[in-house]
C-alpha atoms as a PDB file:
ATOM      1  CA  UNK A   1      24.399  28.419 -13.674  1.00  0.00           C
ATOM      2  CA  UNK A   2      26.932  30.285 -12.036  1.00  0.00           C
ATOM      3  CA  UNK A   3      28.089  27.305  -9.362  1.00  0.00           C
ATOM      4  CA  UNK A   4      26.588  29.682  -6.742  1.00  0.00           C
ATOM      5  CA  UNK A   5      23.178  28.849  -7.972  1.00  0.00           C
ATOM      6  CA  UNK A   6      24.817  25.075  -8.761  1.00  0.00           C
ATOM      7  CA  UNK A   7      24.672  24.994  -5.120  1.00  0.00           C
ATOM      8  CA  UNK A   8      21.394  26.271  -4.634  1.00  0.00           C
ATOM      9  CA  UNK A   9      19.129  24.200  -7.279  1.00  0.00           C
ATOM     10  CA  UNK A  10      20.791  20.829  -5.691  1.00  0.00           C
ATOM     11  CA  UNK A  11      20.055  21.475  -1.864  1.00  0.00           C
ATOM     12  CA  UNK A  12      16.985  19.776  -2.238  1.00  0.00           C
ATOM     13  CA  UNK A  13      18.478  16.769  -3.817  1.00  0.00           C
ATOM     14  CA  UNK A  14      20.908  15.802  -1.282  1.00  0.00           C
ATOM     15  CA  UNK A  15      18.802  16.676   1.229  1.00  0.00           C
ATOM     16  CA  UNK A  16      16.708  13.141   0.082  1.00  0.00           C
ATOM     17  CA  UNK A  17      19.948  11.577  -0.006  1.00  0.00           C
ATOM     18  CA  UNK A  18      21.066  12.737   3.330  1.00  0.00           C
ATOM     19  CA  UNK A  19      17.838  11.517   4.532  1.00  0.00           C
ATOM     20  CA  UNK A  20      17.120   8.234   2.499  1.00  0.00           C
ATOM     21  CA  UNK A  21      21.323   7.535   3.588  1.00  0.00           C
ATOM     22  CA  UNK A  22      19.876   8.397   7.900  1.00  0.00           C
ATOM     23  CA  UNK A  23      16.862   5.788   7.718  1.00  0.00           C
ATOM     24  CA  UNK A  24      18.663   2.618   5.464  1.00  0.00           C
ATOM     25  CA  UNK A  25      16.893   3.492   2.413  1.00  0.00           C
ATOM     26  CA  UNK A  26      19.190   3.628  -0.820  1.00  0.00           C
ATOM     27  CA  UNK A  27      17.184   5.372  -3.570  1.00  0.00           C
ATOM     28  CA  UNK A  28      16.739   3.007  -6.463  1.00  0.00           C
ATOM     29  CA  UNK A  29      16.947  -0.273  -3.698  1.00  0.00           C
ATOM     30  CA  UNK A  30      14.197  -2.469  -3.448  1.00  0.00           C
ATOM     31  CA  UNK A  31      13.535  -3.517   0.004  1.00  0.00           C
ATOM     32  CA  UNK A  32      12.265  -7.983  -0.890  1.00  0.00           C
ATOM     33  CA  UNK A  33       8.904  -8.636   0.392  1.00  0.00           C
ATOM     34  CA  UNK A  34       8.100 -10.852   3.187  1.00  0.00           C
ATOM     35  CA  UNK A  35       5.109 -13.144   1.844  1.00  0.00           C
ATOM     36  CA  UNK A  36       3.816 -13.848   4.888  1.00  0.00           C
ATOM     37  CA  UNK A  37       3.511 -10.328   6.638  1.00  0.00           C
ATOM     38  CA  UNK A  38       2.639  -9.325   3.363  1.00  0.00           C
ATOM     39  CA  UNK A  39      -0.630 -11.863   3.188  1.00  0.00           C
ATOM     40  CA  UNK A  40      -1.741 -10.972   6.830  1.00  0.00           C
ATOM     41  CA  UNK A  41      -1.527  -7.292   6.333  1.00  0.00           C
ATOM     42  CA  UNK A  42      -3.223  -7.326   3.629  1.00  0.00           C
ATOM     43  CA  UNK A  43      -5.682  -9.997   5.821  1.00  0.00           C
ATOM     44  CA  UNK A  44      -5.526  -7.086   8.183  1.00  0.00           C
ATOM     45  CA  UNK A  45      -6.631  -4.032   6.060  1.00  0.00           C
ATOM     46  CA  UNK A  46      -9.874  -5.907   4.073  1.00  0.00           C
ATOM     47  CA  UNK A  47     -10.954  -7.962   8.225  1.00  0.00           C
ATOM     48  CA  UNK A  48     -10.765  -4.072   9.065  1.00  0.00           C
ATOM     49  CA  UNK A  49     -12.500  -2.517   5.868  1.00  0.00           C
ATOM     50  CA  UNK A  50     -15.003  -5.518   5.928  1.00  0.00           C
ATOM     51  CA  UNK A  51     -15.677  -4.549  10.212  1.00  0.00           C
ATOM     52  CA  UNK A  52     -16.108  -0.481   8.016  1.00  0.00           C
ATOM     53  CA  UNK A  53     -13.425   0.904   9.997  1.00  0.00           C
ATOM     54  CA  UNK A  54     -11.437   3.566   8.033  1.00  0.00           C
ATOM     55  CA  UNK A  55      -8.064   2.888   6.136  1.00  0.00           C
ATOM     56  CA  UNK A  56      -6.951   5.433   8.877  1.00  0.00           C
ATOM     57  CA  UNK A  57      -7.571   3.031  11.685  1.00  0.00           C
ATOM     58  CA  UNK A  58      -4.750   1.206  10.233  1.00  0.00           C
ATOM     59  CA  UNK A  59      -2.538   3.556  10.847  1.00  0.00           C
ATOM     60  CA  UNK A  60      -2.700   2.813  14.989  1.00  0.00           C
ATOM     61  CA  UNK A  61      -1.957  -0.883  14.577  1.00  0.00           C
ATOM     62  CA  UNK A  62       1.207  -2.959  14.502  1.00  0.00           C
ATOM     63  CA  UNK A  63       2.722  -2.838  12.243  1.00  0.00           C
ATOM     64  CA  UNK A  64       0.694   0.527  11.390  1.00  0.00           C
ATOM     65  CA  UNK A  65       0.100  -0.262   7.877  1.00  0.00           C
ATOM     66  CA  UNK A  66      -1.074   2.227   5.595  1.00  0.00           C
ATOM     67  CA  UNK A  67      -3.702   2.044   2.962  1.00  0.00           C
ATOM     68  CA  UNK A  68      -5.447   3.184   0.533  1.00  0.00           C
ATOM     69  CA  UNK A  69      -8.454   1.624  -2.024  1.00  0.00           C
ATOM     70  CA  UNK A  70     -10.411   4.746  -4.048  1.00  0.00           C
ATOM     71  CA  UNK A  71     -13.832   2.275  -3.155  1.00  0.00           C
ATOM     72  CA  UNK A  72     -12.933   1.846   0.256  1.00  0.00           C
ATOM     73  CA  UNK A  73     -12.134   5.823   0.185  1.00  0.00           C
ATOM     74  CA  UNK A  74     -15.678   6.255  -0.969  1.00  0.00           C
ATOM     75  CA  UNK A  75     -18.438   4.721   0.747  1.00  0.00           C
ATOM     76  CA  UNK A  76     -18.981   1.135  -0.560  1.00  0.00           C
ATOM     77  CA  UNK A  77     -18.839  -1.347   1.546  1.00  0.00           C
ATOM     78  CA  UNK A  78     -17.197  -4.593   1.460  1.00  0.00           C
ATOM     79  CA  UNK A  79     -19.468  -7.683   1.825  1.00  0.00           C
ATOM     80  CA  UNK A  80     -16.908 -10.398   1.490  1.00  0.00           C
ATOM     81  CA  UNK A  81     -13.447 -11.391   0.517  1.00  0.00           C
ATOM     82  CA  UNK A  82     -11.338 -14.017  -0.880  1.00  0.00           C
ATOM     83  CA  UNK A  83      -7.868 -13.959  -1.717  1.00  0.00           C
ATOM     84  CA  UNK A  84      -7.577 -16.113  -5.810  1.00  0.00           C
ATOM     85  CA  UNK A  85      -4.132 -15.682  -5.625  1.00  0.00           C
ATOM     86  CA  UNK A  86      -0.346 -14.126  -4.638  1.00  0.00           C
ATOM     87  CA  UNK A  87       2.278 -14.186  -5.419  1.00  0.00           C
ATOM     88  CA  UNK A  88       6.024 -12.186  -4.550  1.00  0.00           C
ATOM     89  CA  UNK A  89       7.433  -9.952  -6.958  1.00  0.00           C
ATOM     90  CA  UNK A  90      10.310  -8.142  -5.666  1.00  0.00           C
ATOM     91  CA  UNK A  91       9.634  -5.139  -3.407  1.00  0.00           C
ATOM     92  CA  UNK A  92       5.373  -6.379  -3.857  1.00  0.00           C
ATOM     93  CA  UNK A  93       3.001  -8.688  -2.517  1.00  0.00           C
ATOM     94  CA  UNK A  94       0.877  -9.384  -6.004  1.00  0.00           C
ATOM     95  CA  UNK A  95      -2.317 -10.906  -5.213  1.00  0.00           C
ATOM     96  CA  UNK A  96      -5.553 -11.219  -6.729  1.00  0.00           C
ATOM     97  CA  UNK A  97      -8.996 -10.329  -4.833  1.00  0.00           C
ATOM     98  CA  UNK A  98     -12.491 -11.358  -5.666  1.00  0.00           C
ATOM     99  CA  UNK A  99     -14.410  -8.861  -3.987  1.00  0.00           C
ATOM    100  CA  UNK A 100     -18.130  -8.656  -3.024  1.00  0.00           C
ATOM    101  CA  UNK A 101     -19.079  -4.658  -1.997  1.00  0.00           C
ATOM    102  CA  UNK A 102     -21.768  -2.681  -1.641  1.00  0.00           C
ATOM    103  CA  UNK A 103     -21.980   0.087  -2.599  1.00  0.00           C
ATOM    104  CA  UNK A 104     -24.539   2.807  -4.048  1.00  0.00           C
ATOM    105  CA  UNK A 105     -27.531   0.178  -2.806  1.00  0.00           C
ATOM    106  CA  UNK A 106     -25.870  -2.442  -5.054  1.00  0.00           C
ATOM    107  CA  UNK A 107     -23.975  -6.173  -4.714  1.00  0.00           C
ATOM    108  CA  UNK A 108     -21.288  -5.647  -7.156  1.00  0.00           C
ATOM    109  CA  UNK A 109     -18.544  -8.532  -7.386  1.00  0.00           C
ATOM    110  CA  UNK A 110     -15.398  -7.937  -8.737  1.00  0.00           C
ATOM    111  CA  UNK A 111     -12.190  -8.990  -8.707  1.00  0.00           C
ATOM    112  CA  UNK A 112      -9.434  -6.294  -7.742  1.00  0.00           C
ATOM    113  CA  UNK A 113      -5.336  -6.202  -7.073  1.00  0.00           C
ATOM    114  CA  UNK A 114      -3.859  -5.189  -4.831  1.00  0.00           C
ATOM    115  CA  UNK A 115      -0.061  -4.823  -4.362  1.00  0.00           C
ATOM    116  CA  UNK A 116       1.732  -4.876  -0.695  1.00  0.00           C
ATOM    117  CA  UNK A 117       4.897  -4.409   0.997  1.00  0.00           C
ATOM    118  CA  UNK A 118       6.059  -4.463   3.885  1.00  0.00           C
ATOM    119  CA  UNK A 119       9.393  -3.189   3.845  1.00  0.00           C
ATOM    120  CA  UNK A 120      10.724  -0.065   4.692  1.00  0.00           C
ATOM    121  CA  UNK A 121       6.773   0.823   5.934  1.00  0.00           C
ATOM    122  CA  UNK A 122       3.840  -1.540   5.625  1.00  0.00           C
ATOM    123  CA  UNK A 123       1.481  -0.843   2.270  1.00  0.00           C
ATOM    124  CA  UNK A 124      -1.486  -1.681   0.889  1.00  0.00           C
ATOM    125  CA  UNK A 125      -2.566  -0.298  -2.294  1.00  0.00           C
ATOM    126  CA  UNK A 126      -4.987  -1.685  -4.585  1.00  0.00           C
ATOM    127  CA  UNK A 127      -3.983  -0.568  -8.049  1.00  0.00           C
ATOM    128  CA  UNK A 128      -6.509   0.744  -9.426  1.00  0.00           C
ATOM    129  CA  UNK A 129      -5.855   0.163 -13.455  1.00  0.00           C
ATOM    130  CA  UNK A 130      -6.635  -3.283 -13.157  1.00  0.00           C
END
């Protein structure tokens, strides 16, 4: 590989690192979760689902929340929920939630795991592996 082609190959990485430095992000360094803010974001997210709102509707709130839940996105209705347990784990709040949903005409109860972050953005993602 010539010096010129090596320089071109490294340009995207250099740009990514420059952008990360500009926004105060350090690659590989997790921001500690704010447990109370994370709990509030989880409640706001689940309440929005229960009220029939879309995940995208949360992005216009203050703070903006990026939410992902495949059952919600596929049209399942949240009838009720209760937080069973939660614990801060580095950059995430690891929350176990009992969900009562209506999907395809059936009422289903299940426990779900959500990972909530508070920095640099507020996110509520359902862990579909659990």
